[in-house]
mmCIF file of all heavy atoms, coordinates in Angstrom:
data_MODEL
# 
_entry.id   MODEL 
# 
loop_
_atom_site.group_PDB 
_atom_site.id 
_atom_site.type_symbol 
_atom_site.label_atom_id 
_atom_site.label_alt_id 
_atom_site.label_comp_id 
_atom_site.label_asym_id 
_atom_site.label_entity_id 
_atom_site.label_seq_id 
_atom_site.pdbx_PDB_ins_code 
_atom_site.Cartn_x 
_atom_site.Cartn_y 
_atom_site.Cartn_z 
_atom_site.occupancy 
_atom_site.B_iso_or_equiv 
_atom_site.pdbx_formal_charge 
_atom_site.auth_seq_id 
_atom_site.auth_comp_id 
_atom_site.auth_asym_id 
_atom_site.auth_atom_id 
_atom_site.pdbx_PDB_model_num 
ATOM 1   N N   . ALA A 1 1  ? 129.367 89.517  85.026 1.00 0.00 ? 1  ALA A N   1 
ATOM 2   C CA  . ALA A 1 1  ? 128.491 89.147  86.134 1.00 0.00 ? 1  ALA A CA  1 
ATOM 3   C C   . ALA A 1 1  ? 129.007 87.931  86.902 1.00 0.00 ? 1  ALA A C   1 
ATOM 4   O O   . ALA A 1 1  ? 128.642 87.732  88.059 1.00 0.00 ? 1  ALA A O   1 
ATOM 5   C CB  . ALA A 1 1  ? 127.081 88.871  85.611 1.00 0.00 ? 1  ALA A CB  1 
ATOM 6   N N   . ASP A 1 2  ? 129.844 87.119  86.304 1.00 0.00 ? 2  ASP A N   1 
ATOM 7   C CA  . ASP A 1 2  ? 130.328 85.913  86.979 1.00 0.00 ? 2  ASP A CA  1 
ATOM 8   C C   . ASP A 1 2  ? 131.493 86.200  87.933 1.00 0.00 ? 2  ASP A C   1 
ATOM 9   O O   . ASP A 1 2  ? 131.709 85.453  88.895 1.00 0.00 ? 2  ASP A O   1 
ATOM 10  C CB  . ASP A 1 2  ? 130.765 84.864  85.951 1.00 0.00 ? 2  ASP A CB  1 
ATOM 11  C CG  . ASP A 1 2  ? 129.584 84.366  85.126 1.00 0.00 ? 2  ASP A CG  1 
ATOM 12  O OD1 . ASP A 1 2  ? 128.438 84.453  85.644 1.00 0.00 ? 2  ASP A OD1 1 
ATOM 13  O OD2 . ASP A 1 2  ? 129.803 83.922  84.000 1.00 0.00 ? 2  ASP A OD2 1 
ATOM 14  N N   . ALA A 1 3  ? 132.249 87.259  87.686 1.00 0.00 ? 3  ALA A N   1 
ATOM 15  C CA  . ALA A 1 3  ? 133.405 87.590  88.532 1.00 0.00 ? 3  ALA A CA  1 
ATOM 16  C C   . ALA A 1 3  ? 132.938 88.357  89.769 1.00 0.00 ? 3  ALA A C   1 
ATOM 17  O O   . ALA A 1 3  ? 131.861 88.951  89.786 1.00 0.00 ? 3  ALA A O   1 
ATOM 18  C CB  . ALA A 1 3  ? 134.398 88.424  87.747 1.00 0.00 ? 3  ALA A CB  1 
ATOM 19  N N   . ARG A 1 4  ? 133.765 88.334  90.794 1.00 0.00 ? 4  ARG A N   1 
ATOM 20  C CA  . ARG A 1 4  ? 133.414 89.079  92.005 1.00 0.00 ? 4  ARG A CA  1 
ATOM 21  C C   . ARG A 1 4  ? 133.472 90.572  91.730 1.00 0.00 ? 4  ARG A C   1 
ATOM 22  O O   . ARG A 1 4  ? 134.366 91.058  91.030 1.00 0.00 ? 4  ARG A O   1 
ATOM 23  C CB  . ARG A 1 4  ? 134.368 88.705  93.133 1.00 0.00 ? 4  ARG A CB  1 
ATOM 24  C CG  . ARG A 1 4  ? 134.108 87.286  93.626 1.00 0.00 ? 4  ARG A CG  1 
ATOM 25  C CD  . ARG A 1 4  ? 134.887 86.949  94.859 1.00 0.00 ? 4  ARG A CD  1 
ATOM 26  N NE  . ARG A 1 4  ? 134.559 87.858  95.950 1.00 0.00 ? 4  ARG A NE  1 
ATOM 27  C CZ  . ARG A 1 4  ? 135.381 88.109  96.965 1.00 0.00 ? 4  ARG A CZ  1 
ATOM 28  N NH1 . ARG A 1 4  ? 136.556 87.548  97.022 1.00 0.00 ? 4  ARG A NH1 1 
ATOM 29  N NH2 . ARG A 1 4  ? 135.021 88.929  97.929 1.00 0.00 ? 4  ARG A NH2 1 
ATOM 30  N N   . PRO A 1 5  ? 132.554 91.337  92.293 1.00 0.00 ? 5  PRO A N   1 
ATOM 31  C CA  . PRO A 1 5  ? 132.484 92.776  92.003 1.00 0.00 ? 5  PRO A CA  1 
ATOM 32  C C   . PRO A 1 5  ? 133.477 93.589  92.837 1.00 0.00 ? 5  PRO A C   1 
ATOM 33  O O   . PRO A 1 5  ? 134.086 93.100  93.787 1.00 0.00 ? 5  PRO A O   1 
ATOM 34  C CB  . PRO A 1 5  ? 131.053 93.126  92.395 1.00 0.00 ? 5  PRO A CB  1 
ATOM 35  C CG  . PRO A 1 5  ? 130.738 92.175  93.494 1.00 0.00 ? 5  PRO A CG  1 
ATOM 36  C CD  . PRO A 1 5  ? 131.445 90.890  93.128 1.00 0.00 ? 5  PRO A CD  1 
ATOM 37  N N   . LEU A 1 6  ? 133.598 94.842  92.465 1.00 0.00 ? 6  LEU A N   1 
ATOM 38  C CA  . LEU A 1 6  ? 134.386 95.820  93.209 1.00 0.00 ? 6  LEU A CA  1 
ATOM 39  C C   . LEU A 1 6  ? 133.435 96.879  93.763 1.00 0.00 ? 6  LEU A C   1 
ATOM 40  O O   . LEU A 1 6  ? 132.397 97.174  93.163 1.00 0.00 ? 6  LEU A O   1 
ATOM 41  C CB  . LEU A 1 6  ? 135.401 96.518  92.300 1.00 0.00 ? 6  LEU A CB  1 
ATOM 42  C CG  . LEU A 1 6  ? 136.569 95.705  91.781 1.00 0.00 ? 6  LEU A CG  1 
ATOM 43  C CD1 . LEU A 1 6  ? 137.338 96.510  90.751 1.00 0.00 ? 6  LEU A CD1 1 
ATOM 44  C CD2 . LEU A 1 6  ? 137.480 95.314  92.921 1.00 0.00 ? 6  LEU A CD2 1 
ATOM 45  N N   . CYS A 1 7  ? 133.806 97.453  94.897 1.00 0.00 ? 7  CYS A N   1 
ATOM 46  C CA  . CYS A 1 7  ? 133.026 98.596  95.377 1.00 0.00 ? 7  CYS A CA  1 
ATOM 47  C C   . CYS A 1 7  ? 133.392 99.809  94.519 1.00 0.00 ? 7  CYS A C   1 
ATOM 48  O O   . CYS A 1 7  ? 134.376 99.790  93.769 1.00 0.00 ? 7  CYS A O   1 
ATOM 49  C CB  . CYS A 1 7  ? 133.307 98.851  96.856 1.00 0.00 ? 7  CYS A CB  1 
ATOM 50  S SG  . CYS A 1 7  ? 134.980 99.371  97.225 1.00 0.00 ? 7  CYS A SG  1 
ATOM 51  N N   . ILE A 1 8  ? 132.622 100.855 94.621 1.00 0.00 ? 8  ILE A N   1 
ATOM 52  C CA  . ILE A 1 8  ? 132.841 102.037 93.769 1.00 0.00 ? 8  ILE A CA  1 
ATOM 53  C C   . ILE A 1 8  ? 134.213 102.643 94.036 1.00 0.00 ? 8  ILE A C   1 
ATOM 54  O O   . ILE A 1 8  ? 134.934 103.005 93.095 1.00 0.00 ? 8  ILE A O   1 
ATOM 55  C CB  . ILE A 1 8  ? 131.713 103.063 93.992 1.00 0.00 ? 8  ILE A CB  1 
ATOM 56  C CG1 . ILE A 1 8  ? 130.392 102.480 93.488 1.00 0.00 ? 8  ILE A CG1 1 
ATOM 57  C CG2 . ILE A 1 8  ? 132.014 104.371 93.294 1.00 0.00 ? 8  ILE A CG2 1 
ATOM 58  C CD1 . ILE A 1 8  ? 129.182 103.326 93.798 1.00 0.00 ? 8  ILE A CD1 1 
ATOM 59  N N   . ASN A 1 9  ? 134.612 102.743 95.292 1.00 0.00 ? 9  ASN A N   1 
ATOM 60  C CA  . ASN A 1 9  ? 135.916 103.333 95.613 1.00 0.00 ? 9  ASN A CA  1 
ATOM 61  C C   . ASN A 1 9  ? 137.069 102.521 95.030 1.00 0.00 ? 9  ASN A C   1 
ATOM 62  O O   . ASN A 1 9  ? 138.002 103.085 94.447 1.00 0.00 ? 9  ASN A O   1 
ATOM 63  C CB  . ASN A 1 9  ? 136.087 103.451 97.131 1.00 0.00 ? 9  ASN A CB  1 
ATOM 64  C CG  . ASN A 1 9  ? 135.242 104.548 97.714 1.00 0.00 ? 9  ASN A CG  1 
ATOM 65  O OD1 . ASN A 1 9  ? 134.910 105.507 97.037 1.00 0.00 ? 9  ASN A OD1 1 
ATOM 66  N ND2 . ASN A 1 9  ? 134.902 104.404 98.987 1.00 0.00 ? 9  ASN A ND2 1 
ATOM 67  N N   . CYS A 1 10 ? 137.023 101.208 95.171 1.00 0.00 ? 10 CYS A N   1 
ATOM 68  C CA  . CYS A 1 10 ? 138.096 100.368 94.627 1.00 0.00 ? 10 CYS A CA  1 
ATOM 69  C C   . CYS A 1 10 ? 138.104 100.409 93.105 1.00 0.00 ? 10 CYS A C   1 
ATOM 70  O O   . CYS A 1 10 ? 139.173 100.388 92.481 1.00 0.00 ? 10 CYS A O   1 
ATOM 71  C CB  . CYS A 1 10 ? 137.951 98.939  95.125 1.00 0.00 ? 10 CYS A CB  1 
ATOM 72  S SG  . CYS A 1 10 ? 138.284 98.774  96.898 1.00 0.00 ? 10 CYS A SG  1 
ATOM 73  N N   . ALA A 1 11 ? 136.926 100.453 92.479 1.00 0.00 ? 11 ALA A N   1 
ATOM 74  C CA  . ALA A 1 11 ? 136.861 100.539 91.018 1.00 0.00 ? 11 ALA A CA  1 
ATOM 75  C C   . ALA A 1 11 ? 137.468 101.846 90.525 1.00 0.00 ? 11 ALA A C   1 
ATOM 76  O O   . ALA A 1 11 ? 138.189 101.871 89.528 1.00 0.00 ? 11 ALA A O   1 
ATOM 77  C CB  . ALA A 1 11 ? 135.409 100.414 90.554 1.00 0.00 ? 11 ALA A CB  1 
ATOM 78  N N   . LEU A 1 12 ? 137.206 102.946 91.234 1.00 0.00 ? 12 LEU A N   1 
ATOM 79  C CA  . LEU A 1 12 ? 137.793 104.235 90.841 1.00 0.00 ? 12 LEU A CA  1 
ATOM 80  C C   . LEU A 1 12 ? 139.304 104.241 91.046 1.00 0.00 ? 12 LEU A C   1 
ATOM 81  O O   . LEU A 1 12 ? 140.045 104.794 90.229 1.00 0.00 ? 12 LEU A O   1 
ATOM 82  C CB  . LEU A 1 12 ? 137.135 105.371 91.627 1.00 0.00 ? 12 LEU A CB  1 
ATOM 83  C CG  . LEU A 1 12 ? 135.695 105.690 91.245 1.00 0.00 ? 12 LEU A CG  1 
ATOM 84  C CD1 . LEU A 1 12 ? 135.089 106.703 92.198 1.00 0.00 ? 12 LEU A CD1 1 
ATOM 85  C CD2 . LEU A 1 12 ? 135.617 106.199 89.821 1.00 0.00 ? 12 LEU A CD2 1 
ATOM 86  N N   . LYS A 1 13 ? 139.775 103.625 92.117 1.00 0.00 ? 13 LYS A N   1 
ATOM 87  C CA  . LYS A 1 13 ? 141.221 103.547 92.343 1.00 0.00 ? 13 LYS A CA  1 
ATOM 88  C C   . LYS A 1 13 ? 141.898 102.712 91.263 1.00 0.00 ? 13 LYS A C   1 
ATOM 89  O O   . LYS A 1 13 ? 142.959 103.076 90.760 1.00 0.00 ? 13 LYS A O   1 
ATOM 90  C CB  . LYS A 1 13 ? 141.509 102.950 93.712 1.00 0.00 ? 13 LYS A CB  1 
ATOM 91  C CG  . LYS A 1 13 ? 141.254 103.894 94.849 1.00 0.00 ? 13 LYS A CG  1 
ATOM 92  C CD  . LYS A 1 13 ? 141.554 103.217 96.169 1.00 0.00 ? 13 LYS A CD  1 
ATOM 93  C CE  . LYS A 1 13 ? 141.142 104.084 97.330 1.00 0.00 ? 13 LYS A CE  1 
ATOM 94  N NZ  . LYS A 1 13 ? 141.319 103.400 98.622 1.00 0.00 ? 13 LYS A NZ  1 
ATOM 95  N N   . ASN A 1 14 ? 141.289 101.584 90.888 1.00 0.00 ? 14 ASN A N   1 
ATOM 96  C CA  . ASN A 1 14 ? 141.878 100.729 89.852 1.00 0.00 ? 14 ASN A CA  1 
ATOM 97  C C   . ASN A 1 14 ? 141.894 101.400 88.495 1.00 0.00 ? 14 ASN A C   1 
ATOM 98  O O   . ASN A 1 14 ? 142.789 101.152 87.688 1.00 0.00 ? 14 ASN A O   1 
ATOM 99  C CB  . ASN A 1 14 ? 141.123 99.406  89.762 1.00 0.00 ? 14 ASN A CB  1 
ATOM 100 C CG  . ASN A 1 14 ? 141.437 98.490  90.914 1.00 0.00 ? 14 ASN A CG  1 
ATOM 101 O OD1 . ASN A 1 14 ? 142.356 98.731  91.671 1.00 0.00 ? 14 ASN A OD1 1 
ATOM 102 N ND2 . ASN A 1 14 ? 140.654 97.430  91.052 1.00 0.00 ? 14 ASN A ND2 1 
ATOM 103 N N   . SER A 1 15 ? 140.909 102.234 88.227 1.00 0.00 ? 15 SER A N   1 
ATOM 104 C CA  . SER A 1 15 ? 140.846 102.890 86.918 1.00 0.00 ? 15 SER A CA  1 
ATOM 105 C C   . SER A 1 15 ? 141.792 104.080 86.817 1.00 0.00 ? 15 SER A C   1 
ATOM 106 O O   . SER A 1 15 ? 142.037 104.586 85.728 1.00 0.00 ? 15 SER A O   1 
ATOM 107 C CB  . SER A 1 15 ? 139.422 103.346 86.621 1.00 0.00 ? 15 SER A CB  1 
ATOM 108 O OG  . SER A 1 15 ? 139.053 104.389 87.509 1.00 0.00 ? 15 SER A OG  1 
ATOM 109 N N   . GLY A 1 16 ? 142.319 104.570 87.958 1.00 0.00 ? 16 GLY A N   1 
ATOM 110 C CA  . GLY A 1 16 ? 143.227 105.714 87.937 1.00 0.00 ? 16 GLY A CA  1 
ATOM 111 C C   . GLY A 1 16 ? 142.528 107.040 88.119 1.00 0.00 ? 16 GLY A C   1 
ATOM 112 O O   . GLY A 1 16 ? 143.168 108.085 88.105 1.00 0.00 ? 16 GLY A O   1 
ATOM 113 N N   . VAL A 1 17 ? 141.208 107.018 88.283 1.00 0.00 ? 17 VAL A N   1 
ATOM 114 C CA  . VAL A 1 17 ? 140.474 108.269 88.490 1.00 0.00 ? 17 VAL A CA  1 
ATOM 115 C C   . VAL A 1 17 ? 140.773 108.817 89.872 1.00 0.00 ? 17 VAL A C   1 
ATOM 116 O O   . VAL A 1 17 ? 140.946 110.003 90.063 1.00 0.00 ? 17 VAL A O   1 
ATOM 117 C CB  . VAL A 1 17 ? 138.953 108.039 88.320 1.00 0.00 ? 17 VAL A CB  1 
ATOM 118 C CG1 . VAL A 1 17 ? 138.171 109.276 88.671 1.00 0.00 ? 17 VAL A CG1 1 
ATOM 119 C CG2 . VAL A 1 17 ? 138.657 107.604 86.906 1.00 0.00 ? 17 VAL A CG2 1 
ATOM 120 N N   . ARG A 1 18 ? 140.864 107.940 90.850 1.00 0.00 ? 18 ARG A N   1 
ATOM 121 C CA  . ARG A 1 18 ? 141.103 108.344 92.219 1.00 0.00 ? 18 ARG A CA  1 
ATOM 122 C C   . ARG A 1 18 ? 142.309 107.574 92.733 1.00 0.00 ? 18 ARG A C   1 
ATOM 123 O O   . ARG A 1 18 ? 142.469 106.399 92.468 1.00 0.00 ? 18 ARG A O   1 
ATOM 124 C CB  . ARG A 1 18 ? 139.881 108.000 93.063 1.00 0.00 ? 18 ARG A CB  1 
ATOM 125 C CG  . ARG A 1 18 ? 139.840 108.712 94.377 1.00 0.00 ? 18 ARG A CG  1 
ATOM 126 C CD  . ARG A 1 18 ? 138.621 108.320 95.146 1.00 0.00 ? 18 ARG A CD  1 
ATOM 127 N NE  . ARG A 1 18 ? 137.431 108.914 94.557 1.00 0.00 ? 18 ARG A NE  1 
ATOM 128 C CZ  . ARG A 1 18 ? 136.204 108.577 94.900 1.00 0.00 ? 18 ARG A CZ  1 
ATOM 129 N NH1 . ARG A 1 18 ? 136.001 107.630 95.800 1.00 0.00 ? 18 ARG A NH1 1 
ATOM 130 N NH2 . ARG A 1 18 ? 135.160 109.157 94.356 1.00 0.00 ? 18 ARG A NH2 1 
ATOM 131 N N   . GLY A 1 19 ? 143.177 108.245 93.430 1.00 0.00 ? 19 GLY A N   1 
ATOM 132 C CA  . GLY A 1 19 ? 144.337 107.569 93.990 1.00 0.00 ? 19 GLY A CA  1 
ATOM 133 C C   . GLY A 1 19 ? 145.580 108.410 93.859 1.00 0.00 ? 19 GLY A C   1 
ATOM 134 O O   . GLY A 1 19 ? 145.535 109.602 93.561 1.00 0.00 ? 19 GLY A O   1 
ATOM 135 N N   . SER A 1 20 ? 146.721 107.793 94.031 1.00 0.00 ? 20 SER A N   1 
ATOM 136 C CA  . SER A 1 20 ? 147.980 108.516 94.039 1.00 0.00 ? 20 SER A CA  1 
ATOM 137 C C   . SER A 1 20 ? 148.662 108.541 92.671 1.00 0.00 ? 20 SER A C   1 
ATOM 138 O O   . SER A 1 20 ? 149.769 109.037 92.557 1.00 0.00 ? 20 SER A O   1 
ATOM 139 C CB  . SER A 1 20 ? 148.923 107.896 95.067 1.00 0.00 ? 20 SER A CB  1 
ATOM 140 O OG  . SER A 1 20 ? 149.197 106.565 94.707 1.00 0.00 ? 20 SER A OG  1 
ATOM 141 N N   . LYS A 1 21 ? 148.021 108.018 91.678 1.00 0.00 ? 21 LYS A N   1 
ATOM 142 C CA  . LYS A 1 21 ? 148.617 108.000 90.349 1.00 0.00 ? 21 LYS A CA  1 
ATOM 143 C C   . LYS A 1 21 ? 148.687 109.429 89.816 1.00 0.00 ? 21 LYS A C   1 
ATOM 144 O O   . LYS A 1 21 ? 147.685 110.133 89.773 1.00 0.00 ? 21 LYS A O   1 
ATOM 145 C CB  . LYS A 1 21 ? 147.782 107.135 89.414 1.00 0.00 ? 21 LYS A CB  1 
ATOM 146 C CG  . LYS A 1 21 ? 148.320 107.064 88.006 1.00 0.00 ? 21 LYS A CG  1 
ATOM 147 C CD  . LYS A 1 21 ? 147.430 106.212 87.122 1.00 0.00 ? 21 LYS A CD  1 
ATOM 148 C CE  . LYS A 1 21 ? 147.925 106.205 85.696 1.00 0.00 ? 21 LYS A CE  1 
ATOM 149 N NZ  . LYS A 1 21 ? 147.024 105.477 84.828 1.00 0.00 ? 21 LYS A NZ  1 
ATOM 150 N N   . LYS A 1 22 ? 149.879 109.850 89.423 1.00 0.00 ? 22 LYS A N   1 
ATOM 151 C CA  . LYS A 1 22 ? 150.060 111.201 88.917 1.00 0.00 ? 22 LYS A CA  1 
ATOM 152 C C   . LYS A 1 22 ? 149.876 111.197 87.409 1.00 0.00 ? 22 LYS A C   1 
ATOM 153 O O   . LYS A 1 22 ? 150.477 110.397 86.705 1.00 0.00 ? 22 LYS A O   1 
ATOM 154 C CB  . LYS A 1 22 ? 151.426 111.731 89.287 1.00 0.00 ? 22 LYS A CB  1 
ATOM 155 C CG  . LYS A 1 22 ? 151.584 111.838 90.782 1.00 0.00 ? 22 LYS A CG  1 
ATOM 156 C CD  . LYS A 1 22 ? 152.770 112.645 91.149 1.00 0.00 ? 22 LYS A CD  1 
ATOM 157 C CE  . LYS A 1 22 ? 152.810 112.674 92.663 1.00 0.00 ? 22 LYS A CE  1 
ATOM 158 N NZ  . LYS A 1 22 ? 153.531 113.737 93.200 1.00 0.00 ? 22 LYS A NZ  1 
ATOM 159 N N   . VAL A 1 23 ? 149.073 112.117 86.931 1.00 0.00 ? 23 VAL A N   1 
ATOM 160 C CA  . VAL A 1 23 ? 148.800 112.224 85.512 1.00 0.00 ? 23 VAL A CA  1 
ATOM 161 C C   . VAL A 1 23 ? 149.676 113.337 84.952 1.00 0.00 ? 23 VAL A C   1 
ATOM 162 O O   . VAL A 1 23 ? 149.683 114.450 85.464 1.00 0.00 ? 23 VAL A O   1 
ATOM 163 C CB  . VAL A 1 23 ? 147.310 112.538 85.266 1.00 0.00 ? 23 VAL A CB  1 
ATOM 164 C CG1 . VAL A 1 23 ? 147.037 112.678 83.788 1.00 0.00 ? 23 VAL A CG1 1 
ATOM 165 C CG2 . VAL A 1 23 ? 146.439 111.466 85.873 1.00 0.00 ? 23 VAL A CG2 1 
ATOM 166 N N   . ARG A 1 24 ? 150.422 113.026 83.937 1.00 0.00 ? 24 ARG A N   1 
ATOM 167 C CA  . ARG A 1 24 ? 151.299 114.005 83.309 1.00 0.00 ? 24 ARG A CA  1 
ATOM 168 C C   . ARG A 1 24 ? 150.468 114.974 82.488 1.00 0.00 ? 24 ARG A C   1 
ATOM 169 O O   . ARG A 1 24 ? 149.568 114.560 81.751 1.00 0.00 ? 24 ARG A O   1 
ATOM 170 C CB  . ARG A 1 24 ? 152.299 113.279 82.417 1.00 0.00 ? 24 ARG A CB  1 
ATOM 171 C CG  . ARG A 1 24 ? 153.322 114.169 81.819 1.00 0.00 ? 24 ARG A CG  1 
ATOM 172 C CD  . ARG A 1 24 ? 154.344 113.377 81.055 1.00 0.00 ? 24 ARG A CD  1 
ATOM 173 N NE  . ARG A 1 24 ? 155.290 114.274 80.444 1.00 0.00 ? 24 ARG A NE  1 
ATOM 174 C CZ  . ARG A 1 24 ? 156.016 113.982 79.399 1.00 0.00 ? 24 ARG A CZ  1 
ATOM 175 N NH1 . ARG A 1 24 ? 155.918 112.785 78.861 1.00 0.00 ? 24 ARG A NH1 1 
ATOM 176 N NH2 . ARG A 1 24 ? 156.843 114.857 78.900 1.00 0.00 ? 24 ARG A NH2 1 
ATOM 177 N N   . PRO A 1 25 ? 150.756 116.290 82.585 1.00 0.00 ? 25 PRO A N   1 
ATOM 178 C CA  . PRO A 1 25 ? 149.988 117.249 81.789 1.00 0.00 ? 25 PRO A CA  1 
ATOM 179 C C   . PRO A 1 25 ? 150.254 117.066 80.293 1.00 0.00 ? 25 PRO A C   1 
ATOM 180 O O   . PRO A 1 25 ? 151.329 116.614 79.894 1.00 0.00 ? 25 PRO A O   1 
ATOM 181 C CB  . PRO A 1 25 ? 150.476 118.610 82.268 1.00 0.00 ? 25 PRO A CB  1 
ATOM 182 C CG  . PRO A 1 25 ? 151.689 118.368 83.071 1.00 0.00 ? 25 PRO A CG  1 
ATOM 183 C CD  . PRO A 1 25 ? 151.716 116.935 83.457 1.00 0.00 ? 25 PRO A CD  1 
ATOM 184 N N   . SER A 1 26 ? 149.276 117.444 79.499 1.00 0.00 ? 26 SER A N   1 
ATOM 185 C CA  . SER A 1 26 ? 149.420 117.295 78.057 1.00 0.00 ? 26 SER A CA  1 
ATOM 186 C C   . SER A 1 26 ? 150.439 118.303 77.520 1.00 0.00 ? 26 SER A C   1 
ATOM 187 O O   . SER A 1 26 ? 150.858 119.233 78.201 1.00 0.00 ? 26 SER A O   1 
ATOM 188 C CB  . SER A 1 26 ? 148.078 117.516 77.365 1.00 0.00 ? 26 SER A CB  1 
ATOM 189 O OG  . SER A 1 26 ? 147.672 118.854 77.499 1.00 0.00 ? 26 SER A OG  1 
ATOM 190 N N   . ARG A 1 27 ? 150.819 118.109 76.278 1.00 0.00 ? 27 ARG A N   1 
ATOM 191 C CA  . ARG A 1 27 ? 151.798 119.000 75.655 1.00 0.00 ? 27 ARG A CA  1 
ATOM 192 C C   . ARG A 1 27 ? 151.253 120.418 75.581 1.00 0.00 ? 27 ARG A C   1 
ATOM 193 O O   . ARG A 1 27 ? 151.972 121.387 75.826 1.00 0.00 ? 27 ARG A O   1 
ATOM 194 C CB  . ARG A 1 27 ? 152.117 118.475 74.255 1.00 0.00 ? 27 ARG A CB  1 
ATOM 195 C CG  . ARG A 1 27 ? 153.186 119.242 73.556 1.00 0.00 ? 27 ARG A CG  1 
ATOM 196 C CD  . ARG A 1 27 ? 153.524 118.591 72.243 1.00 0.00 ? 27 ARG A CD  1 
ATOM 197 N NE  . ARG A 1 27 ? 154.594 119.304 71.586 1.00 0.00 ? 27 ARG A NE  1 
ATOM 198 C CZ  . ARG A 1 27 ? 155.024 119.036 70.383 1.00 0.00 ? 27 ARG A CZ  1 
ATOM 199 N NH1 . ARG A 1 27 ? 154.491 118.035 69.706 1.00 0.00 ? 27 ARG A NH1 1 
ATOM 200 N NH2 . ARG A 1 27 ? 156.001 119.732 69.855 1.00 0.00 ? 27 ARG A NH2 1 
ATOM 201 N N   . ARG A 1 28 ? 149.975 120.555 75.268 1.00 0.00 ? 28 ARG A N   1 
ATOM 202 C CA  . ARG A 1 28 ? 149.348 121.875 75.195 1.00 0.00 ? 28 ARG A CA  1 
ATOM 203 C C   . ARG A 1 28 ? 149.377 122.559 76.563 1.00 0.00 ? 28 ARG A C   1 
ATOM 204 O O   . ARG A 1 28 ? 149.686 123.750 76.670 1.00 0.00 ? 28 ARG A O   1 
ATOM 205 C CB  . ARG A 1 28 ? 147.907 121.742 74.724 1.00 0.00 ? 28 ARG A CB  1 
ATOM 206 C CG  . ARG A 1 28 ? 147.179 123.074 74.672 1.00 0.00 ? 28 ARG A CG  1 
ATOM 207 C CD  . ARG A 1 28 ? 145.767 122.908 74.225 1.00 0.00 ? 28 ARG A CD  1 
ATOM 208 N NE  . ARG A 1 28 ? 145.779 122.598 72.810 1.00 0.00 ? 28 ARG A NE  1 
ATOM 209 C CZ  . ARG A 1 28 ? 144.699 122.363 72.094 1.00 0.00 ? 28 ARG A CZ  1 
ATOM 210 N NH1 . ARG A 1 28 ? 143.524 122.378 72.652 1.00 0.00 ? 28 ARG A NH1 1 
ATOM 211 N NH2 . ARG A 1 28 ? 144.787 122.101 70.807 1.00 0.00 ? 28 ARG A NH2 1 
ATOM 212 N N   . GLU A 1 29 ? 149.100 121.808 77.618 1.00 0.00 ? 29 GLU A N   1 
ATOM 213 C CA  . GLU A 1 29 ? 149.134 122.384 78.964 1.00 0.00 ? 29 GLU A CA  1 
ATOM 214 C C   . GLU A 1 29 ? 150.546 122.785 79.362 1.00 0.00 ? 29 GLU A C   1 
ATOM 215 O O   . GLU A 1 29 ? 150.748 123.836 79.976 1.00 0.00 ? 29 GLU A O   1 
ATOM 216 C CB  . GLU A 1 29 ? 148.572 121.390 79.979 1.00 0.00 ? 29 GLU A CB  1 
ATOM 217 C CG  . GLU A 1 29 ? 147.080 121.168 79.858 1.00 0.00 ? 29 GLU A CG  1 
ATOM 218 C CD  . GLU A 1 29 ? 146.594 120.022 80.725 1.00 0.00 ? 29 GLU A CD  1 
ATOM 219 O OE1 . GLU A 1 29 ? 147.404 119.122 81.057 1.00 0.00 ? 29 GLU A OE1 1 
ATOM 220 O OE2 . GLU A 1 29 ? 145.407 120.035 81.058 1.00 0.00 ? 29 GLU A OE2 1 
# 
C-alpha cells in the first residue's frame, strides 16, 4: 500500500500475461 500503484494494463504487461513476451510451449505440447 505504500508504493505507487500500477494500472491493470501495466500490471498485466509486467507479469507477462499481456505483451510481446513469447512463451515457449511445454515439452508435452
